[in-house]
Amino acid sequence: MHIKYTFAALSMLTFYSGVAFSEPVELRMATGSGGPGSSVGNSLDQWAALIEEKTAGTPDEIKVDVFYQDELGDQKELFDLLVVGEVDMMINWPMTSYDERMGIRNVPYMIFDWEQAFNAYKSGGWLNEIYSEVHADLGLKYFGAYPEGFSGVATRDKYATTVEEAKGITVRVPSNFPNPLTIEAMGYTPVALAWGEVYTSLQTGVVDGDSGNVIYWDYEYFRDVLDYYVRTRHTFVSGMLSMNQNSWDSLNEFQKNAVADAAAEISSKQFENARAFDQTYVEKAIESGMEYIELTDEELLSLARKTRGEVWPEIEDAFGKELVDKIRENAPSL
């Protein structure tokens, strides 16, 4: 028998040979992006396995039930479940429906290379500190980043490397603030769609492309309906490893250490592997017939200046002056 600890630690003991042992704690772990065998799905499996290995054979054993993309709902529904504690742990790309500060990672051209990303998200890094605070305000425990790489725009029939070329191209954009503003500033016409609606929308011509993802997602899910991938690098794409705070509080110190250490291991491994993994999918996309385009330094700088100039003044109302000042202090100058 498993018992689920969501809002309080329950004490239930089984007696064997005169010794009392706690029943295993059962926790739910999920992701809104990635099925079994996908990169995220594999990381989810590894996080669960590490927790079980670290607690196996002890009176504080934890069993983890894993749920993949669409098994418990879409991205928004899953994040809702995490906030209320029906899901205990997630590798997710948090929604801004509860707190727009969750969208800080989407501020355009805030990070330009992998070293800057690591320094921002590592323990003690400036984005790590911001997200720890934002998660805590929502009743969530933040463990660390789950980096994927730099974003781009994938399209069919035509592509753009400048604002002028992007005019008339309609692309799906994640609805999280300030993504739609960013894509509009880059010249495209943004359409906010749930992830599960993207393929059909591409097939039927509702949109001409997808924006804001690393190439893995556009290759893996849409390569038969997309022709180009332009690495605009407007955001550094990173998910997050997090846990419902009440679920966290229900654990004892041994169990907390097991969960947190396992999360740190997954985050660290992802930072080590994500860049090579991303390049692998660049090569796969090219082999499949998709054309891959890197911006020139001049094109990148032009997009960065325009989007910063139009989007950054809008973020202070959403994020607050204190957080925006931190962004300005830590983001590289142009």
C-alpha atoms as a PDB file:
ATOM      1  CA  MET A   1       0.000   0.000   0.000  1.00  0.00           C
ATOM      2  CA  HIS A   2       1.247   3.457  -0.885  1.00  0.00           C
ATOM      3  CA  ILE A   3       0.099   6.654   0.732  1.00  0.00           C
ATOM      4  CA  LYS A   4       0.251  10.009  -0.967  1.00  0.00           C
ATOM      5  CA  TYR A   5       1.711  12.946   0.914  1.00  0.00           C
ATOM      6  CA  THR A   6       0.453  16.173  -0.595  1.00  0.00           C
ATOM      7  CA  PHE A   7      -0.517  18.590   2.133  1.00  0.00           C
ATOM      8  CA  ALA A   8       0.652  16.906   5.322  1.00  0.00           C
ATOM      9  CA  ALA A   9       2.885  14.085   6.426  1.00  0.00           C
ATOM     10  CA  LEU A  10       0.794  11.176   7.622  1.00  0.00           C
ATOM     11  CA  SER A  11       2.150   8.684  10.086  1.00  0.00           C
ATOM     12  CA  MET A  12       1.256   5.122   9.207  1.00  0.00           C
ATOM     13  CA  LEU A  13       3.410   2.302  10.478  1.00  0.00           C
ATOM     14  CA  THR A  14       3.696  -1.326   9.517  1.00  0.00           C
ATOM     15  CA  PHE A  15       5.159  -3.664  12.073  1.00  0.00           C
ATOM     16  CA  TYR A  16       7.502  -6.429  11.053  1.00  0.00           C
ATOM     17  CA  SER A  17       9.555  -8.526  13.500  1.00  0.00           C
ATOM     18  CA  GLY A  18       8.781  -6.014  16.204  1.00  0.00           C
ATOM     19  CA  VAL A  19      10.318  -3.067  14.261  1.00  0.00           C
ATOM     20  CA  ALA A  20       8.221  -0.147  13.036  1.00  0.00           C
ATOM     21  CA  PHE A  21       8.693   1.053   9.435  1.00  0.00           C
ATOM     22  CA  SER A  22       6.909   3.923   7.722  1.00  0.00           C
ATOM     23  CA  GLU A  23       4.925   3.113   4.607  1.00  0.00           C
ATOM     24  CA  PRO A  24       6.669   4.417   1.464  1.00  0.00           C
ATOM     25  CA  VAL A  25       5.793   7.980   0.529  1.00  0.00           C
ATOM     26  CA  GLU A  26       4.248   8.150  -2.934  1.00  0.00           C
ATOM     27  CA  LEU A  27       4.885  11.264  -5.010  1.00  0.00           C
ATOM     28  CA  ARG A  28       3.557  12.263  -8.421  1.00  0.00           C
ATOM     29  CA  MET A  29       6.036  13.628 -10.970  1.00  0.00           C
ATOM     30  CA  ALA A  30       4.996  15.007 -14.354  1.00  0.00           C
ATOM     31  CA  THR A  31       5.925  17.049 -17.400  1.00  0.00           C
ATOM     32  CA  GLY A  32       3.768  18.896 -19.894  1.00  0.00           C
ATOM     33  CA  SER A  33       6.346  18.598 -22.690  1.00  0.00           C
ATOM     34  CA  GLY A  34       7.776  15.254 -23.711  1.00  0.00           C
ATOM     35  CA  GLY A  35       6.586  11.673 -23.909  1.00  0.00           C
ATOM     36  CA  PRO A  36       8.364   8.434 -22.949  1.00  0.00           C
ATOM     37  CA  GLY A  37      11.731   8.226 -24.688  1.00  0.00           C
ATOM     38  CA  SER A  38      11.970  11.969 -25.336  1.00  0.00           C
ATOM     39  CA  SER A  39      14.782  14.013 -23.825  1.00  0.00           C
ATOM     40  CA  VAL A  40      12.507  15.451 -21.127  1.00  0.00           C
ATOM     41  CA  GLY A  41      10.793  12.110 -20.600  1.00  0.00           C
ATOM     42  CA  ASN A  42      14.150  10.447 -20.024  1.00  0.00           C
ATOM     43  CA  SER A  43      15.183  13.138 -17.552  1.00  0.00           C
ATOM     44  CA  LEU A  44      11.887  12.675 -15.728  1.00  0.00           C
ATOM     45  CA  ASP A  45      12.548   8.939 -15.491  1.00  0.00           C
ATOM     46  CA  GLN A  46      16.089   9.565 -14.249  1.00  0.00           C
ATOM     47  CA  TRP A  47      14.952  12.030 -11.569  1.00  0.00           C
ATOM     48  CA  ALA A  48      12.386   9.531 -10.322  1.00  0.00           C
ATOM     49  CA  ALA A  49      14.895   6.665 -10.377  1.00  0.00           C
ATOM     50  CA  LEU A  50      17.516   8.667  -8.469  1.00  0.00           C
ATOM     51  CA  ILE A  51      15.018   9.524  -5.728  1.00  0.00           C
ATOM     52  CA  GLU A  52      13.959   5.910  -5.384  1.00  0.00           C
ATOM     53  CA  GLU A  53      17.565   4.692  -5.365  1.00  0.00           C
ATOM     54  CA  LYS A  54      18.590   7.192  -2.692  1.00  0.00           C
ATOM     55  CA  THR A  55      15.739   6.143  -0.391  1.00  0.00           C
ATOM     56  CA  ALA A  56      15.394   2.431  -1.205  1.00  0.00           C
ATOM     57  CA  GLY A  57      15.693   0.028   1.722  1.00  0.00           C
ATOM     58  CA  THR A  58      15.279   2.765   4.315  1.00  0.00           C
ATOM     59  CA  PRO A  59      12.363   3.589   6.631  1.00  0.00           C
ATOM     60  CA  ASP A  60      12.011   6.810   4.558  1.00  0.00           C
ATOM     61  CA  GLU A  61      11.494   5.157   1.185  1.00  0.00           C
ATOM     62  CA  ILE A  62       9.902   7.219  -1.611  1.00  0.00           C
ATOM     63  CA  LYS A  63       8.051   5.784  -4.591  1.00  0.00           C
ATOM     64  CA  VAL A  64       7.555   8.058  -7.596  1.00  0.00           C
ATOM     65  CA  ASP A  65       4.718   7.822 -10.126  1.00  0.00           C
ATOM     66  CA  VAL A  66       5.723   9.400 -13.454  1.00  0.00           C
ATOM     67  CA  PHE A  67       3.314  11.069 -15.880  1.00  0.00           C
ATOM     68  CA  TYR A  68       4.323  12.282 -19.342  1.00  0.00           C
ATOM     69  CA  GLN A  69       2.971  14.882 -21.751  1.00  0.00           C
ATOM     70  CA  ASP A  70      -0.852  14.913 -22.024  1.00  0.00           C
ATOM     71  CA  GLU A  71      -1.360  12.105 -19.500  1.00  0.00           C
ATOM     72  CA  LEU A  72      -2.729  14.465 -16.850  1.00  0.00           C
ATOM     73  CA  GLY A  73      -3.579  17.462 -19.022  1.00  0.00           C
ATOM     74  CA  ASP A  74      -1.888  20.164 -21.063  1.00  0.00           C
ATOM     75  CA  GLN A  75       0.902  22.450 -19.854  1.00  0.00           C
ATOM     76  CA  LYS A  76      -1.414  24.923 -18.146  1.00  0.00           C
ATOM     77  CA  GLU A  77      -3.528  22.241 -16.505  1.00  0.00           C
ATOM     78  CA  LEU A  78      -0.426  20.512 -15.178  1.00  0.00           C
ATOM     79  CA  PHE A  79       0.971  23.718 -13.753  1.00  0.00           C
ATOM     80  CA  ASP A  80      -2.389  24.267 -12.048  1.00  0.00           C
ATOM     81  CA  LEU A  81      -2.101  20.778 -10.545  1.00  0.00           C
ATOM     82  CA  LEU A  82       1.405  21.541  -9.313  1.00  0.00           C
ATOM     83  CA  VAL A  83       0.300  24.762  -7.635  1.00  0.00           C
ATOM     84  CA  VAL A  84      -2.553  23.055  -5.768  1.00  0.00           C
ATOM     85  CA  GLY A  85      -0.468  19.997  -4.918  1.00  0.00           C
ATOM     86  CA  GLU A  86      -2.198  17.316  -6.984  1.00  0.00           C
ATOM     87  CA  VAL A  87       1.119  16.929  -8.797  1.00  0.00           C
ATOM     88  CA  ASP A  88       4.099  17.009  -6.452  1.00  0.00           C
ATOM     89  CA  MET A  89       7.075  17.534  -8.785  1.00  0.00           C
ATOM     90  CA  MET A  90       7.584  18.690 -12.349  1.00  0.00           C
ATOM     91  CA  ILE A  91      10.050  19.384 -15.094  1.00  0.00           C
ATOM     92  CA  ASN A  92       8.072  22.184 -16.667  1.00  0.00           C
ATOM     93  CA  TRP A  93       8.042  25.453 -18.555  1.00  0.00           C
ATOM     94  CA  PRO A  94       6.008  27.459 -16.033  1.00  0.00           C
ATOM     95  CA  MET A  95       2.944  29.416 -17.042  1.00  0.00           C
ATOM     96  CA  THR A  96       2.552  33.092 -16.199  1.00  0.00           C
ATOM     97  CA  SER A  97      -1.135  32.795 -15.314  1.00  0.00           C
ATOM     98  CA  TYR A  98      -0.395  33.056 -11.577  1.00  0.00           C
ATOM     99  CA  ASP A  99       2.572  35.414 -11.629  1.00  0.00           C
ATOM    100  CA  GLU A 100       3.946  37.190 -14.682  1.00  0.00           C
ATOM    101  CA  ARG A 101       7.411  37.088 -13.114  1.00  0.00           C
ATOM    102  CA  MET A 102       7.558  33.446 -14.226  1.00  0.00           C
ATOM    103  CA  GLY A 103       8.160  34.907 -17.673  1.00  0.00           C
ATOM    104  CA  ILE A 104      11.429  36.601 -16.770  1.00  0.00           C
ATOM    105  CA  ARG A 105      13.331  33.850 -18.581  1.00  0.00           C
ATOM    106  CA  ASN A 106      11.537  34.991 -21.764  1.00  0.00           C
ATOM    107  CA  VAL A 107      12.891  38.551 -21.708  1.00  0.00           C
ATOM    108  CA  PRO A 108      14.522  38.876 -25.156  1.00  0.00           C
ATOM    109  CA  TYR A 109      18.270  39.037 -25.626  1.00  0.00           C
ATOM    110  CA  MET A 110      19.050  38.828 -21.932  1.00  0.00           C
ATOM    111  CA  ILE A 111      21.570  35.989 -22.435  1.00  0.00           C
ATOM    112  CA  PHE A 112      23.827  35.513 -25.458  1.00  0.00           C
ATOM    113  CA  ASP A 113      25.969  32.441 -24.770  1.00  0.00           C
ATOM    114  CA  TRP A 114      26.117  29.249 -22.709  1.00  0.00           C
ATOM    115  CA  GLU A 115      28.597  30.625 -20.174  1.00  0.00           C
ATOM    116  CA  GLN A 116      26.260  33.533 -19.405  1.00  0.00           C
ATOM    117  CA  ALA A 117      23.366  31.092 -19.062  1.00  0.00           C
ATOM    118  CA  PHE A 118      25.237  28.845 -16.649  1.00  0.00           C
ATOM    119  CA  ASN A 119      26.360  31.776 -14.512  1.00  0.00           C
ATOM    120  CA  ALA A 120      22.796  33.098 -14.374  1.00  0.00           C
ATOM    121  CA  TYR A 121      21.125  29.806 -13.466  1.00  0.00           C
ATOM    122  CA  LYS A 122      23.754  28.111 -11.286  1.00  0.00           C
ATOM    123  CA  SER A 123      23.284  27.986  -7.521  1.00  0.00           C
ATOM    124  CA  GLY A 124      23.721  31.573  -6.339  1.00  0.00           C
ATOM    125  CA  GLY A 125      23.313  32.931  -9.867  1.00  0.00           C
ATOM    126  CA  TRP A 126      21.127  35.968 -10.380  1.00  0.00           C
ATOM    127  CA  LEU A 127      18.338  34.178 -12.268  1.00  0.00           C
ATOM    128  CA  ASN A 128      18.474  31.260  -9.835  1.00  0.00           C
ATOM    129  CA  GLU A 129      17.852  33.675  -6.963  1.00  0.00           C
ATOM    130  CA  ILE A 130      14.993  35.388  -8.803  1.00  0.00           C
ATOM    131  CA  TYR A 131      13.250  32.132  -9.628  1.00  0.00           C
ATOM    132  CA  SER A 132      13.679  30.766  -6.123  1.00  0.00           C
ATOM    133  CA  GLU A 133      11.860  33.851  -4.825  1.00  0.00           C
ATOM    134  CA  VAL A 134       9.100  33.755  -7.465  1.00  0.00           C
ATOM    135  CA  HIS A 135       8.437  30.061  -6.892  1.00  0.00           C
ATOM    136  CA  ALA A 136       8.298  30.553  -3.131  1.00  0.00           C
ATOM    137  CA  ASP A 137       5.671  33.267  -3.558  1.00  0.00           C
ATOM    138  CA  LEU A 138       3.510  30.743  -5.443  1.00  0.00           C
ATOM    139  CA  GLY A 139       3.942  28.010  -2.851  1.00  0.00           C
ATOM    140  CA  LEU A 140       6.522  26.127  -4.913  1.00  0.00           C
ATOM    141  CA  LYS A 141      10.045  24.889  -4.247  1.00  0.00           C
ATOM    142  CA  TYR A 142      12.546  25.706  -7.017  1.00  0.00           C
ATOM    143  CA  PHE A 143      15.402  23.242  -7.520  1.00  0.00           C
ATOM    144  CA  GLY A 144      17.083  24.559 -10.639  1.00  0.00           C
ATOM    145  CA  ALA A 145      17.071  25.054 -14.387  1.00  0.00           C
ATOM    146  CA  TYR A 146      16.553  22.480 -17.110  1.00  0.00           C
ATOM    147  CA  PRO A 147      18.343  24.158 -20.032  1.00  0.00           C
ATOM    148  CA  GLU A 148      17.722  23.332 -23.692  1.00  0.00           C
ATOM    149  CA  GLY A 149      19.534  26.038 -25.628  1.00  0.00           C
ATOM    150  CA  PHE A 150      18.844  29.112 -27.705  1.00  0.00           C
ATOM    151  CA  SER A 151      15.524  29.638 -29.443  1.00  0.00           C
ATOM    152  CA  GLY A 152      14.690  30.149 -33.072  1.00  0.00           C
ATOM    153  CA  VAL A 153      11.894  30.513 -35.594  1.00  0.00           C
ATOM    154  CA  ALA A 154      10.941  27.555 -37.782  1.00  0.00           C
ATOM    155  CA  THR A 155       8.817  28.179 -40.893  1.00  0.00           C
ATOM    156  CA  ARG A 156       7.649  26.696 -44.163  1.00  0.00           C
ATOM    157  CA  ASP A 157       8.016  28.141 -47.702  1.00  0.00           C
ATOM    158  CA  LYS A 158       9.988  31.230 -46.613  1.00  0.00           C
ATOM    159  CA  TYR A 159      12.130  32.475 -43.754  1.00  0.00           C
ATOM    160  CA  ALA A 160      13.379  35.761 -42.307  1.00  0.00           C
ATOM    161  CA  THR A 161      16.617  37.045 -40.839  1.00  0.00           C
ATOM    162  CA  THR A 162      15.486  40.673 -40.549  1.00  0.00           C
ATOM    163  CA  VAL A 163      12.430  42.520 -39.286  1.00  0.00           C
ATOM    164  CA  GLU A 164      11.489  43.527 -42.829  1.00  0.00           C
ATOM    165  CA  GLU A 165      11.636  39.948 -44.120  1.00  0.00           C
ATOM    166  CA  ALA A 166       9.504  38.709 -41.209  1.00  0.00           C
ATOM    167  CA  LYS A 167       6.543  40.907 -42.091  1.00  0.00           C
ATOM    168  CA  GLY A 168       3.606  38.821 -43.299  1.00  0.00           C
ATOM    169  CA  ILE A 169       4.870  35.594 -41.677  1.00  0.00           C
ATOM    170  CA  THR A 170       2.495  34.276 -39.003  1.00  0.00           C
ATOM    171  CA  VAL A 171       4.058  32.122 -36.317  1.00  0.00           C
ATOM    172  CA  ARG A 172       2.852  30.304 -33.241  1.00  0.00           C
ATOM    173  CA  VAL A 173       4.223  31.804 -30.067  1.00  0.00           C
ATOM    174  CA  PRO A 174       3.996  30.586 -26.459  1.00  0.00           C
ATOM    175  CA  SER A 175       1.452  32.789 -24.704  1.00  0.00           C
ATOM    176  CA  ASN A 176       3.727  33.521 -21.723  1.00  0.00           C
ATOM    177  CA  PHE A 177       4.558  37.230 -21.388  1.00  0.00           C
ATOM    178  CA  PRO A 178       6.513  38.789 -23.050  1.00  0.00           C
ATOM    179  CA  ASN A 179       6.813  36.210 -25.877  1.00  0.00           C
ATOM    180  CA  PRO A 180       4.084  37.686 -28.124  1.00  0.00           C
ATOM    181  CA  LEU A 181       5.556  41.191 -27.758  1.00  0.00           C
ATOM    182  CA  THR A 182       9.008  39.890 -28.642  1.00  0.00           C
ATOM    183  CA  ILE A 183       7.909  38.070 -31.784  1.00  0.00           C
ATOM    184  CA  GLU A 184       5.913  41.108 -32.897  1.00  0.00           C
ATOM    185  CA  ALA A 185       8.952  43.348 -32.348  1.00  0.00           C
ATOM    186  CA  MET A 186      10.939  40.931 -34.552  1.00  0.00           C
ATOM    187  CA  GLY A 187       8.487  41.617 -37.369  1.00  0.00           C
ATOM    188  CA  TYR A 188       6.353  38.455 -37.303  1.00  0.00           C
ATOM    189  CA  THR A 189       2.627  38.176 -36.677  1.00  0.00           C
ATOM    190  CA  PRO A 190       2.301  36.177 -33.438  1.00  0.00           C
ATOM    191  CA  VAL A 191      -0.501  33.710 -32.728  1.00  0.00           C
ATOM    192  CA  ALA A 192      -0.704  32.239 -29.219  1.00  0.00           C
ATOM    193  CA  LEU A 193      -1.499  28.512 -29.380  1.00  0.00           C
ATOM    194  CA  ALA A 194      -1.368  25.648 -26.927  1.00  0.00           C
ATOM    195  CA  TRP A 195       1.382  23.154 -27.744  1.00  0.00           C
ATOM    196  CA  GLY A 196      -1.111  20.437 -28.659  1.00  0.00           C
ATOM    197  CA  GLU A 197      -2.672  22.661 -31.346  1.00  0.00           C
ATOM    198  CA  VAL A 198       0.527  23.545 -33.203  1.00  0.00           C
ATOM    199  CA  TYR A 199       0.785  20.636 -35.640  1.00  0.00           C
ATOM    200  CA  THR A 200      -2.786  20.937 -36.914  1.00  0.00           C
ATOM    201  CA  SER A 201      -2.401  24.713 -37.192  1.00  0.00           C
ATOM    202  CA  LEU A 202       0.729  24.269 -39.310  1.00  0.00           C
ATOM    203  CA  GLN A 203      -0.990  21.666 -41.501  1.00  0.00           C
ATOM    204  CA  THR A 204      -4.046  23.814 -42.116  1.00  0.00           C
ATOM    205  CA  GLY A 205      -2.138  27.056 -42.644  1.00  0.00           C
ATOM    206  CA  VAL A 206      -3.420  28.849 -39.569  1.00  0.00           C
ATOM    207  CA  VAL A 207       0.233  29.667 -38.913  1.00  0.00           C
ATOM    208  CA  ASP A 208       3.326  29.612 -41.133  1.00  0.00           C
ATOM    209  CA  GLY A 209       5.690  28.474 -38.433  1.00  0.00           C
ATOM    210  CA  ASP A 210       6.633  27.983 -34.810  1.00  0.00           C
ATOM    211  CA  SER A 211       8.726  30.326 -32.687  1.00  0.00           C
ATOM    212  CA  GLY A 212      10.568  30.231 -29.403  1.00  0.00           C
ATOM    213  CA  ASN A 213      11.796  26.637 -29.364  1.00  0.00           C
ATOM    214  CA  VAL A 214      15.158  24.976 -29.732  1.00  0.00           C
ATOM    215  CA  ILE A 215      15.423  22.997 -32.945  1.00  0.00           C
ATOM    216  CA  TYR A 216      14.731  19.654 -31.217  1.00  0.00           C
ATOM    217  CA  TRP A 217      11.015  20.374 -30.836  1.00  0.00           C
ATOM    218  CA  ASP A 218      10.504  21.646 -34.372  1.00  0.00           C
ATOM    219  CA  TYR A 219      12.427  18.732 -35.857  1.00  0.00           C
ATOM    220  CA  GLU A 220      10.916  16.044 -33.671  1.00  0.00           C
ATOM    221  CA  TYR A 221       7.300  17.140 -33.955  1.00  0.00           C
ATOM    222  CA  PHE A 222       6.907  19.242 -37.114  1.00  0.00           C
ATOM    223  CA  ARG A 223       9.710  18.434 -39.558  1.00  0.00           C
ATOM    224  CA  ASP A 224       7.298  17.162 -42.227  1.00  0.00           C
ATOM    225  CA  VAL A 225       5.525  20.549 -42.349  1.00  0.00           C
ATOM    226  CA  LEU A 226       8.472  22.944 -41.841  1.00  0.00           C
ATOM    227  CA  ASP A 227      11.278  23.906 -44.229  1.00  0.00           C
ATOM    228  CA  TYR A 228      13.512  26.368 -42.350  1.00  0.00           C
ATOM    229  CA  TYR A 229      14.906  26.972 -38.902  1.00  0.00           C
ATOM    230  CA  VAL A 230      16.467  30.370 -38.151  1.00  0.00           C
ATOM    231  CA  ARG A 231      18.449  30.527 -34.899  1.00  0.00           C
ATOM    232  CA  THR A 232      17.328  33.966 -33.766  1.00  0.00           C
ATOM    233  CA  ARG A 233      18.660  33.360 -30.238  1.00  0.00           C
ATOM    234  CA  HIS A 234      16.086  35.749 -28.810  1.00  0.00           C
ATOM    235  CA  THR A 235      15.695  33.676 -25.630  1.00  0.00           C
ATOM    236  CA  PHE A 236      17.640  31.037 -23.775  1.00  0.00           C
ATOM    237  CA  VAL A 237      15.135  28.203 -23.455  1.00  0.00           C
ATOM    238  CA  SER A 238      15.095  26.603 -20.050  1.00  0.00           C
ATOM    239  CA  GLY A 239      12.579  24.541 -18.173  1.00  0.00           C
ATOM    240  CA  MET A 240      12.588  24.192 -14.411  1.00  0.00           C
ATOM    241  CA  LEU A 241      12.658  21.471 -11.815  1.00  0.00           C
ATOM    242  CA  SER A 242      10.226  22.322  -9.050  1.00  0.00           C
ATOM    243  CA  MET A 243       7.967  20.908  -6.343  1.00  0.00           C
ATOM    244  CA  ASN A 244       4.820  21.883  -4.522  1.00  0.00           C
ATOM    245  CA  GLN A 245       5.914  23.517  -1.246  1.00  0.00           C
ATOM    246  CA  ASN A 246       3.423  21.574   0.899  1.00  0.00           C
ATOM    247  CA  SER A 247       4.627  18.329  -0.648  1.00  0.00           C
ATOM    248  CA  TRP A 248       8.193  19.399   0.123  1.00  0.00           C
ATOM    249  CA  ASP A 249       7.329  20.335   3.699  1.00  0.00           C
ATOM    250  CA  SER A 250       5.715  16.926   4.238  1.00  0.00           C
ATOM    251  CA  LEU A 251       9.082  15.209   3.769  1.00  0.00           C
ATOM    252  CA  ASN A 252      11.666  14.687   6.489  1.00  0.00           C
ATOM    253  CA  GLU A 253      15.242  15.944   6.099  1.00  0.00           C
ATOM    254  CA  PHE A 254      16.540  12.667   4.666  1.00  0.00           C
ATOM    255  CA  GLN A 255      13.815  12.613   2.040  1.00  0.00           C
ATOM    256  CA  LYS A 256      14.275  16.296   1.217  1.00  0.00           C
ATOM    257  CA  ASN A 257      17.978  15.743   0.652  1.00  0.00           C
ATOM    258  CA  ALA A 258      17.253  12.795  -1.634  1.00  0.00           C
ATOM    259  CA  VAL A 259      14.799  14.785  -3.765  1.00  0.00           C
ATOM    260  CA  ALA A 260      16.943  17.950  -3.918  1.00  0.00           C
ATOM    261  CA  ASP A 261      20.211  16.101  -4.600  1.00  0.00           C
ATOM    262  CA  ALA A 262      18.548  14.134  -7.389  1.00  0.00           C
ATOM    263  CA  ALA A 263      17.180  17.356  -8.893  1.00  0.00           C
ATOM    264  CA  ALA A 264      20.614  19.008  -8.741  1.00  0.00           C
ATOM    265  CA  GLU A 265      22.088  15.994 -10.513  1.00  0.00           C
ATOM    266  CA  ILE A 266      19.519  16.197 -13.322  1.00  0.00           C
ATOM    267  CA  SER A 267      20.037  19.962 -13.743  1.00  0.00           C
ATOM    268  CA  SER A 268      23.828  19.597 -13.786  1.00  0.00           C
ATOM    269  CA  LYS A 269      23.690  16.738 -16.285  1.00  0.00           C
ATOM    270  CA  GLN A 270      21.399  18.767 -18.533  1.00  0.00           C
ATOM    271  CA  PHE A 271      23.832  21.717 -18.538  1.00  0.00           C
ATOM    272  CA  GLU A 272      26.622  19.306 -19.483  1.00  0.00           C
ATOM    273  CA  ASN A 273      24.700  17.610 -22.284  1.00  0.00           C
ATOM    274  CA  ALA A 274      22.218  20.130 -23.693  1.00  0.00           C
ATOM    275  CA  ARG A 275      24.598  21.967 -26.030  1.00  0.00           C
ATOM    276  CA  ALA A 276      25.808  18.779 -27.727  1.00  0.00           C
ATOM    277  CA  PHE A 277      22.255  17.440 -27.813  1.00  0.00           C
ATOM    278  CA  ASP A 278      21.087  20.621 -29.538  1.00  0.00           C
ATOM    279  CA  GLN A 279      23.837  20.356 -32.164  1.00  0.00           C
ATOM    280  CA  THR A 280      22.869  16.752 -32.813  1.00  0.00           C
ATOM    281  CA  TYR A 281      19.397  17.914 -33.771  1.00  0.00           C
ATOM    282  CA  VAL A 282      20.766  20.652 -35.992  1.00  0.00           C
ATOM    283  CA  GLU A 283      22.517  17.908 -37.936  1.00  0.00           C
ATOM    284  CA  LYS A 284      19.427  15.689 -37.971  1.00  0.00           C
ATOM    285  CA  ALA A 285      17.288  18.558 -39.226  1.00  0.00           C
ATOM    286  CA  ILE A 286      19.729  19.309 -42.053  1.00  0.00           C
ATOM    287  CA  GLU A 287      19.880  15.629 -43.006  1.00  0.00           C
ATOM    288  CA  SER A 288      16.070  15.533 -43.152  1.00  0.00           C
ATOM    289  CA  GLY A 289      16.009  18.408 -45.635  1.00  0.00           C
ATOM    290  CA  MET A 290      15.339  21.326 -43.302  1.00  0.00           C
ATOM    291  CA  GLU A 291      17.501  24.382 -43.991  1.00  0.00           C
ATOM    292  CA  TYR A 292      19.289  25.703 -40.892  1.00  0.00           C
ATOM    293  CA  ILE A 293      20.250  29.391 -40.753  1.00  0.00           C
ATOM    294  CA  GLU A 294      22.473  31.162 -38.219  1.00  0.00           C
ATOM    295  CA  LEU A 295      22.178  34.934 -37.983  1.00  0.00           C
ATOM    296  CA  THR A 296      25.214  37.049 -38.744  1.00  0.00           C
ATOM    297  CA  ASP A 297      26.569  39.178 -35.901  1.00  0.00           C
ATOM    298  CA  GLU A 298      25.069  42.238 -37.590  1.00  0.00           C
ATOM    299  CA  GLU A 299      21.621  40.625 -37.934  1.00  0.00           C
ATOM    300  CA  LEU A 300      21.706  39.395 -34.332  1.00  0.00           C
ATOM    301  CA  LEU A 301      22.683  42.805 -32.980  1.00  0.00           C
ATOM    302  CA  SER A 302      19.993  44.522 -35.050  1.00  0.00           C
ATOM    303  CA  LEU A 303      17.263  42.213 -33.687  1.00  0.00           C
ATOM    304  CA  ALA A 304      18.579  42.503 -30.140  1.00  0.00           C
ATOM    305  CA  ARG A 305      18.556  46.300 -30.216  1.00  0.00           C
ATOM    306  CA  LYS A 306      15.068  46.500 -31.703  1.00  0.00           C
ATOM    307  CA  THR A 307      13.447  43.974 -29.380  1.00  0.00           C
ATOM    308  CA  ARG A 308      15.151  45.351 -26.291  1.00  0.00           C
ATOM    309  CA  GLY A 309      14.091  48.843 -27.300  1.00  0.00           C
ATOM    310  CA  GLU A 310      10.437  47.856 -27.712  1.00  0.00           C
ATOM    311  CA  VAL A 311       9.950  45.069 -25.162  1.00  0.00           C
ATOM    312  CA  TRP A 312      12.140  45.994 -22.211  1.00  0.00           C
ATOM    313  CA  PRO A 313      10.208  49.210 -21.418  1.00  0.00           C
ATOM    314  CA  GLU A 314       7.053  47.058 -21.161  1.00  0.00           C
ATOM    315  CA  ILE A 315       8.372  44.565 -18.620  1.00  0.00           C
ATOM    316  CA  GLU A 316       8.677  46.877 -15.625  1.00  0.00           C
ATOM    317  CA  ASP A 317       4.910  46.961 -15.040  1.00  0.00           C
ATOM    318  CA  ALA A 318       4.779  43.164 -15.136  1.00  0.00           C
ATOM    319  CA  PHE A 319       7.920  42.311 -13.193  1.00  0.00           C
ATOM    320  CA  GLY A 320       8.504  45.323 -10.984  1.00  0.00           C
ATOM    321  CA  LYS A 321      11.345  47.830 -11.039  1.00  0.00           C
ATOM    322  CA  GLU A 322      13.570  45.879  -8.646  1.00  0.00           C
ATOM    323  CA  LEU A 323      13.654  42.777 -10.855  1.00  0.00           C
ATOM    324  CA  VAL A 324      14.047  44.782 -14.051  1.00  0.00           C
ATOM    325  CA  ASP A 325      16.987  46.615 -12.494  1.00  0.00           C
ATOM    326  CA  LYS A 326      18.589  43.208 -11.833  1.00  0.00           C
ATOM    327  CA  ILE A 327      18.107  42.275 -15.481  1.00  0.00           C
ATOM    328  CA  ARG A 328      19.701  45.504 -16.640  1.00  0.00           C
ATOM    329  CA  GLU A 329      22.610  45.032 -14.220  1.00  0.00           C
ATOM    330  CA  ASN A 330      23.336  41.482 -15.315  1.00  0.00           C
ATOM    331  CA  ALA A 331      22.433  41.339 -19.022  1.00  0.00           C
ATOM    332  CA  PRO A 332      25.319  42.158 -21.377  1.00  0.00           C
ATOM    333  CA  SER A 333      25.348  45.613 -22.896  1.00  0.00           C
ATOM    334  CA  LEU A 334      24.887  46.061 -26.642  1.00  0.00           C
END
